[in-house]
Amino acid sequence: MFVREVKTVQNGKEYCYLHLVQNERVDGKVRQKLLLSLGRKDQVDGEWVDQVVGALKDYTKKTQVLESVEEIEPKEAKNWLY
């Protein structure tokens, strides 16, 4: 399951929409099933997305939902630039 950007052209203007999709096999071929349309990319409100994720967190068993980015503890990484 992932978010896919879908670009369309309407009246000569390009729009980008966000869709939550899931891959599934149909007749031996991979197809994407639309689960939820999130709306236009330029109009998606990050606070609204946080509310949706928060509302779904009680129904997950495999994923931990973080309350904030500050909860992420970075691990040591190599600096490949030098």
C-alpha atoms as a PDB file:
ATOM      1  CA  MET A   1       0.000   0.000   0.000  1.00  0.00           C
ATOM      2  CA  PHE A   2       1.371   3.403  -0.921  1.00  0.00           C
ATOM      3  CA  VAL A   3       0.444   6.911  -2.045  1.00  0.00           C
ATOM      4  CA  ARG A   4       0.502   7.446  -5.797  1.00  0.00           C
ATOM      5  CA  GLU A   5       0.580  10.807  -7.549  1.00  0.00           C
ATOM      6  CA  VAL A   6      -1.776  10.955 -10.532  1.00  0.00           C
ATOM      7  CA  LYS A   7      -1.421  13.858 -12.952  1.00  0.00           C
ATOM      8  CA  THR A   8      -4.299  14.972 -15.155  1.00  0.00           C
ATOM      9  CA  VAL A   9      -4.841  17.850 -17.576  1.00  0.00           C
ATOM     10  CA  GLN A  10      -8.155  19.720 -17.462  1.00  0.00           C
ATOM     11  CA  ASN A  11      -8.825  22.786 -19.610  1.00  0.00           C
ATOM     12  CA  GLY A  12      -5.119  23.026 -20.437  1.00  0.00           C
ATOM     13  CA  LYS A  13      -4.066  23.100 -16.761  1.00  0.00           C
ATOM     14  CA  GLU A  14      -2.218  20.234 -15.059  1.00  0.00           C
ATOM     15  CA  TYR A  15      -3.412  18.931 -11.686  1.00  0.00           C
ATOM     16  CA  CYS A  16      -1.824  16.365  -9.398  1.00  0.00           C
ATOM     17  CA  TYR A  17      -3.999  14.135  -7.195  1.00  0.00           C
ATOM     18  CA  LEU A  18      -2.941  11.807  -4.378  1.00  0.00           C
ATOM     19  CA  HIS A  19      -4.406   8.299  -4.220  1.00  0.00           C
ATOM     20  CA  LEU A  20      -3.879   5.590  -1.632  1.00  0.00           C
ATOM     21  CA  VAL A  21      -3.461   2.414  -3.697  1.00  0.00           C
ATOM     22  CA  GLN A  22      -2.692  -1.249  -3.168  1.00  0.00           C
ATOM     23  CA  ASN A  23      -1.101  -3.664  -5.615  1.00  0.00           C
ATOM     24  CA  GLU A  24      -2.918  -6.928  -6.319  1.00  0.00           C
ATOM     25  CA  ARG A  25      -2.619  -9.703  -8.880  1.00  0.00           C
ATOM     26  CA  VAL A  26      -5.472 -10.131 -11.345  1.00  0.00           C
ATOM     27  CA  ASP A  27      -5.158 -12.858 -13.977  1.00  0.00           C
ATOM     28  CA  GLY A  28      -1.394 -13.048 -13.378  1.00  0.00           C
ATOM     29  CA  LYS A  29      -0.861  -9.299 -13.830  1.00  0.00           C
ATOM     30  CA  VAL A  30      -0.248  -6.686 -11.159  1.00  0.00           C
ATOM     31  CA  ARG A  31      -3.010  -4.096 -10.932  1.00  0.00           C
ATOM     32  CA  GLN A  32      -3.400  -1.154  -8.610  1.00  0.00           C
ATOM     33  CA  LYS A  33      -6.598  -0.938  -6.616  1.00  0.00           C
ATOM     34  CA  LEU A  34      -7.679   2.543  -5.543  1.00  0.00           C
ATOM     35  CA  LEU A  35      -8.448   2.500  -1.817  1.00  0.00           C
ATOM     36  CA  LEU A  36      -8.857   6.220  -1.111  1.00  0.00           C
ATOM     37  CA  SER A  37      -8.605   9.469  -3.013  1.00  0.00           C
ATOM     38  CA  LEU A  38      -6.847  12.063  -0.847  1.00  0.00           C
ATOM     39  CA  GLY A  39      -7.575  15.008  -3.145  1.00  0.00           C
ATOM     40  CA  ARG A  40      -5.391  17.480  -4.985  1.00  0.00           C
ATOM     41  CA  LYS A  41      -1.777  17.518  -3.863  1.00  0.00           C
ATOM     42  CA  ASP A  42      -1.697  21.313  -3.538  1.00  0.00           C
ATOM     43  CA  GLN A  43      -4.789  21.241  -1.290  1.00  0.00           C
ATOM     44  CA  VAL A  44      -3.907  18.323   1.013  1.00  0.00           C
ATOM     45  CA  ASP A  45      -3.581  19.590   4.570  1.00  0.00           C
ATOM     46  CA  GLY A  46      -0.859  17.903   6.625  1.00  0.00           C
ATOM     47  CA  GLU A  47      -2.915  18.349   9.782  1.00  0.00           C
ATOM     48  CA  TRP A  48      -5.818  16.475   8.175  1.00  0.00           C
ATOM     49  CA  VAL A  49      -3.478  13.629   7.181  1.00  0.00           C
ATOM     50  CA  ASP A  50      -2.258  13.451  10.805  1.00  0.00           C
ATOM     51  CA  GLN A  51      -5.877  13.185  11.968  1.00  0.00           C
ATOM     52  CA  VAL A  52      -6.594  10.336   9.529  1.00  0.00           C
ATOM     53  CA  VAL A  53      -3.468   8.437  10.602  1.00  0.00           C
ATOM     54  CA  GLY A  54      -4.314   9.043  14.249  1.00  0.00           C
ATOM     55  CA  ALA A  55      -7.838   7.731  13.747  1.00  0.00           C
ATOM     56  CA  LEU A  56      -6.480   4.525  12.167  1.00  0.00           C
ATOM     57  CA  LYS A  57      -3.710   3.857  14.699  1.00  0.00           C
ATOM     58  CA  ASP A  58      -5.967   1.808  16.989  1.00  0.00           C
ATOM     59  CA  TYR A  59      -6.614  -0.679  14.170  1.00  0.00           C
ATOM     60  CA  THR A  60      -3.007  -1.544  13.345  1.00  0.00           C
ATOM     61  CA  LYS A  61      -0.960  -4.364  14.816  1.00  0.00           C
ATOM     62  CA  LYS A  62       2.227  -4.078  12.783  1.00  0.00           C
ATOM     63  CA  THR A  63       3.000  -0.379  12.622  1.00  0.00           C
ATOM     64  CA  GLN A  64       3.745   2.036  15.414  1.00  0.00           C
ATOM     65  CA  VAL A  65       2.342   5.505  14.838  1.00  0.00           C
ATOM     66  CA  LEU A  66       4.614   8.233  16.177  1.00  0.00           C
ATOM     67  CA  GLU A  67       3.128  11.204  17.967  1.00  0.00           C
ATOM     68  CA  SER A  68       5.780  13.532  16.549  1.00  0.00           C
ATOM     69  CA  VAL A  69       8.946  13.586  14.490  1.00  0.00           C
ATOM     70  CA  GLU A  70      10.904  14.277  17.687  1.00  0.00           C
ATOM     71  CA  GLU A  71      10.256  10.660  18.756  1.00  0.00           C
ATOM     72  CA  ILE A  72      12.478   9.390  15.940  1.00  0.00           C
ATOM     73  CA  GLU A  73      15.965   8.601  17.188  1.00  0.00           C
ATOM     74  CA  PRO A  74      18.473   8.706  14.334  1.00  0.00           C
ATOM     75  CA  LYS A  75      21.123   6.002  14.243  1.00  0.00           C
ATOM     76  CA  GLU A  76      24.735   6.583  13.393  1.00  0.00           C
ATOM     77  CA  ALA A  77      25.311   6.887   9.655  1.00  0.00           C
ATOM     78  CA  LYS A  78      28.390   7.203   7.504  1.00  0.00           C
ATOM     79  CA  ASN A  79      29.047  10.492   5.770  1.00  0.00           C
ATOM     80  CA  TRP A  80      29.729   9.478   2.174  1.00  0.00           C
ATOM     81  CA  LEU A  81      30.552  13.005   1.006  1.00  0.00           C
ATOM     82  CA  TYR A  82      34.000  13.143   2.612  1.00  0.00           C
END
